[in-house]
C-alpha atoms as a PDB file:
ATOM      1  CA  MET A   1      -8.722  19.993   4.318  1.00  0.00           C
ATOM      2  CA  GLU A   2      -9.222  16.365   4.352  1.00  0.00           C
ATOM      3  CA  SER A   3      -6.992  13.462   5.525  1.00  0.00           C
ATOM      4  CA  ILE A   4      -6.385   9.534   5.236  1.00  0.00           C
ATOM      5  CA  PRO A   5      -4.646   8.675   8.327  1.00  0.00           C
ATOM      6  CA  PRO A   6      -1.712   9.276   8.948  1.00  0.00           C
ATOM      7  CA  TYR A   7      -1.281  11.583   5.471  1.00  0.00           C
ATOM      8  CA  GLU A   8      -3.373  14.565   5.040  1.00  0.00           C
ATOM      9  CA  LEU A   9      -3.658  17.191   2.273  1.00  0.00           C
ATOM     10  CA  LEU A  10      -2.836  20.849   3.081  1.00  0.00           C
ATOM     11  CA  VAL A  11      -3.020  22.986  -0.069  1.00  0.00           C
ATOM     12  CA  LYS A  12      -2.925  26.945  -0.932  1.00  0.00           C
ATOM     13  CA  LYS A  13      -5.344  28.269  -3.074  1.00  0.00           C
ATOM     14  CA  PHE A  14      -3.920  31.093  -5.632  1.00  0.00           C
ATOM     15  CA  LYS A  15      -8.360  31.216  -6.316  1.00  0.00           C
ATOM     16  CA  LYS A  16     -10.897  30.757  -3.248  1.00  0.00           C
ATOM     17  CA  ALA A  17     -13.143  29.409  -6.083  1.00  0.00           C
ATOM     18  CA  ALA A  18     -11.217  27.166  -7.013  1.00  0.00           C
ATOM     19  CA  PRO A  19     -12.260  23.351  -5.477  1.00  0.00           C
ATOM     20  CA  ASP A  20     -10.063  21.796  -2.714  1.00  0.00           C
ATOM     21  CA  PRO A  21      -8.044  18.959  -3.706  1.00  0.00           C
ATOM     22  CA  ARG A  22      -9.460  15.423  -2.340  1.00  0.00           C
ATOM     23  CA  PHE A  23      -7.499  11.938  -2.318  1.00  0.00           C
ATOM     24  CA  ILE A  24      -8.900   9.965  -4.495  1.00  0.00           C
ATOM     25  CA  VAL A  25      -8.585   6.155  -2.549  1.00  0.00           C
ATOM     26  CA  GLU A  26     -10.525   3.757  -2.083  1.00  0.00           C
ATOM     27  CA  ARG A  27      -9.912   1.845   0.360  1.00  0.00           C
ATOM     28  CA  GLU A  28     -12.573  -0.510   1.607  1.00  0.00           C
ATOM     29  CA  ARG A  29     -13.670  -1.063  -2.124  1.00  0.00           C
ATOM     30  CA  VAL A  30      -9.905  -1.917  -3.060  1.00  0.00           C
ATOM     31  CA  LEU A  31      -9.066  -3.702  -0.317  1.00  0.00           C
ATOM     32  CA  LYS A  32     -12.356  -5.792  -1.178  1.00  0.00           C
ATOM     33  CA  ARG A  33      -9.905  -7.317  -3.937  1.00  0.00           C
ATOM     34  CA  TYR A  34      -7.716  -9.053  -2.151  1.00  0.00           C
ATOM     35  CA  LYS A  35      -9.501 -11.100   0.504  1.00  0.00           C
ATOM     36  CA  LYS A  36      -7.654 -14.359   1.514  1.00  0.00           C
ATOM     37  CA  GLY A  37      -3.353 -14.035   1.350  1.00  0.00           C
ATOM     38  CA  LEU A  38      -0.995 -12.232   1.199  1.00  0.00           C
ATOM     39  CA  THR A  39      -0.776  -9.359  -2.021  1.00  0.00           C
ATOM     40  CA  ILE A  40       2.078  -7.357  -2.598  1.00  0.00           C
ATOM     41  CA  LEU A  41       1.538  -4.297  -4.774  1.00  0.00           C
ATOM     42  CA  ALA A  42       4.735  -2.671  -6.069  1.00  0.00           C
ATOM     43  CA  ALA A  43       5.047  -0.083  -8.502  1.00  0.00           C
ATOM     44  CA  ASP A  44       8.570   0.398 -10.601  1.00  0.00           C
ATOM     45  CA  GLN A  45       9.444   3.184  -9.008  1.00  0.00           C
ATOM     46  CA  CYS A  46       9.599   1.843  -5.362  1.00  0.00           C
ATOM     47  CA  LEU A  47      12.994   0.663  -4.832  1.00  0.00           C
ATOM     48  CA  TRP A  48      12.388  -1.225  -2.077  1.00  0.00           C
ATOM     49  CA  PHE A  49      10.606  -3.298  -3.600  1.00  0.00           C
ATOM     50  CA  GLN A  50      12.552  -4.120  -5.674  1.00  0.00           C
ATOM     51  CA  SER A  51      16.004  -4.694  -4.455  1.00  0.00           C
ATOM     52  CA  GLY A  52      14.841  -5.722  -0.631  1.00  0.00           C
ATOM     53  CA  TRP A  53      11.296  -8.005  -1.178  1.00  0.00           C
ATOM     54  CA  ARG A  54      12.569 -10.699  -3.389  1.00  0.00           C
ATOM     55  CA  LYS A  55      15.374 -11.149  -0.772  1.00  0.00           C
ATOM     56  CA  CYS A  56      13.869 -10.543   2.380  1.00  0.00           C
ATOM     57  CA  GLY A  57      12.994 -14.164   3.881  1.00  0.00           C
ATOM     58  CA  GLY A  58      10.096 -12.813   6.331  1.00  0.00           C
ATOM     59  CA  VAL A  59       7.420 -14.340   3.235  1.00  0.00           C
ATOM     60  CA  ARG A  60       9.027 -17.060   3.583  1.00  0.00           C
ATOM     61  CA  SER A  61       9.614 -18.795   7.141  1.00  0.00           C
ATOM     62  CA  LEU A  62       6.291 -18.102   7.570  1.00  0.00           C
ATOM     63  CA  GLY A  63       5.412 -20.445   4.713  1.00  0.00           C
ATOM     64  CA  LEU A  64       3.426 -17.413   2.891  1.00  0.00           C
ATOM     65  CA  LYS A  65       2.193 -17.762  -0.763  1.00  0.00           C
ATOM     66  CA  THR A  66       2.772 -14.367  -2.181  1.00  0.00           C
ATOM     67  CA  LYS A  67       0.506 -12.667  -5.184  1.00  0.00           C
ATOM     68  CA  VAL A  68       2.373 -10.110  -6.720  1.00  0.00           C
ATOM     69  CA  VAL A  69       0.651  -7.141  -8.389  1.00  0.00           C
ATOM     70  CA  ARG A  70       3.373  -4.732 -10.019  1.00  0.00           C
ATOM     71  CA  VAL A  71       1.416  -1.041  -9.973  1.00  0.00           C
ATOM     72  CA  THR A  72       2.458   0.439 -13.557  1.00  0.00           C
ATOM     73  CA  SER A  73       0.984   3.342 -14.927  1.00  0.00           C
ATOM     74  CA  ALA A  74      -0.428   6.457 -12.504  1.00  0.00           C
ATOM     75  CA  LYS A  75      -4.036   5.275 -13.231  1.00  0.00           C
ATOM     76  CA  GLU A  76      -3.400   1.994 -12.070  1.00  0.00           C
ATOM     77  CA  SER A  77      -1.735   3.310  -8.171  1.00  0.00           C
ATOM     78  CA  ARG A  78      -5.073   5.455  -7.475  1.00  0.00           C
ATOM     79  CA  GLU A  79      -6.444   2.173  -6.924  1.00  0.00           C
ATOM     80  CA  LEU A  80      -3.877   1.984  -4.348  1.00  0.00           C
ATOM     81  CA  PRO A  81      -6.302   1.249  -0.583  1.00  0.00           C
ATOM     82  CA  THR A  82      -3.777   4.589   0.192  1.00  0.00           C
ATOM     83  CA  PRO A  83      -2.357   7.744  -0.889  1.00  0.00           C
ATOM     84  CA  PHE A  84       0.771   6.249  -0.947  1.00  0.00           C
ATOM     85  CA  GLY A  85       0.943   5.175  -4.716  1.00  0.00           C
ATOM     86  CA  THR A  86       3.687   3.196  -5.077  1.00  0.00           C
ATOM     87  CA  PHE A  87       3.258   0.071  -2.107  1.00  0.00           C
ATOM     88  CA  SER A  88       1.035  -1.514  -0.107  1.00  0.00           C
ATOM     89  CA  ILE A  89       1.380  -5.049   2.496  1.00  0.00           C
ATOM     90  CA  VAL A  90      -2.218  -6.831   2.079  1.00  0.00           C
ATOM     91  CA  TYR A  91      -3.261  -9.516   4.502  1.00  0.00           C
ATOM     92  CA  ASP A  92      -6.756 -11.432   3.573  1.00  0.00           C
ATOM     93  CA  GLY A  93      -8.266  -8.149   2.846  1.00  0.00           C
ATOM     94  CA  LYS A  94      -6.285  -6.369   5.688  1.00  0.00           C
ATOM     95  CA  LEU A  95      -3.942  -3.325   4.344  1.00  0.00           C
ATOM     96  CA  ILE A  96      -1.037  -4.012   6.821  1.00  0.00           C
ATOM     97  CA  ALA A  97       1.623  -1.552   5.383  1.00  0.00           C
ATOM     98  CA  GLU A  98       0.841   1.378   3.268  1.00  0.00           C
ATOM     99  CA  ARG A  99       4.908   1.900   2.584  1.00  0.00           C
ATOM    100  CA  PRO A 100       7.871  -0.516   2.940  1.00  0.00           C
ATOM    101  CA  ILE A 101       8.916  -1.965   6.175  1.00  0.00           C
ATOM    102  CA  SER A 102      11.550  -3.697   7.074  1.00  0.00           C
ATOM    103  CA  ALA A 103      11.923  -7.560   6.781  1.00  0.00           C
ATOM    104  CA  ARG A 104      11.759  -7.405  11.029  1.00  0.00           C
ATOM    105  CA  ARG A 105       8.344  -5.922  11.312  1.00  0.00           C
ATOM    106  CA  PHE A 106       7.044  -7.867   8.757  1.00  0.00           C
ATOM    107  CA  THR A 107       7.515 -10.964  10.552  1.00  0.00           C
ATOM    108  CA  ASN A 108       5.963  -9.648  13.536  1.00  0.00           C
ATOM    109  CA  ILE A 109       2.628  -7.873  12.081  1.00  0.00           C
ATOM    110  CA  MET A 110       2.124 -10.840  10.572  1.00  0.00           C
ATOM    111  CA  SER A 111       3.257 -13.322  13.735  1.00  0.00           C
ATOM    112  CA  LYS A 112       0.700 -12.204  15.012  1.00  0.00           C
ATOM    113  CA  LEU A 113      -2.010 -12.264  12.189  1.00  0.00           C
ATOM    114  CA  ALA A 114      -0.972 -15.540  10.873  1.00  0.00           C
END
């Protein structure tokens, strides 16, 4: 089966001839779109983003200008750099978080990168 660390795709086939499922993630191609600055890709179903990110002082304390890209469809979620289709953080073309993280963790990551 296919895997994109830390995700692993498992399947139980009912028909042996059925094609294997696969992740539709082209990480390097997608990350090229966000080469400069901090970009947050978030879907409306990500409750953490709705309630927590806007209150997060990590971005303000580091003086970072943030671009937020709203993910509003299944097609757009397949254009994220990770199989976790509701949230990603990209900084200068590098995926730094593929799921919601705490303000403290974000600050620690960014202090090493910025």
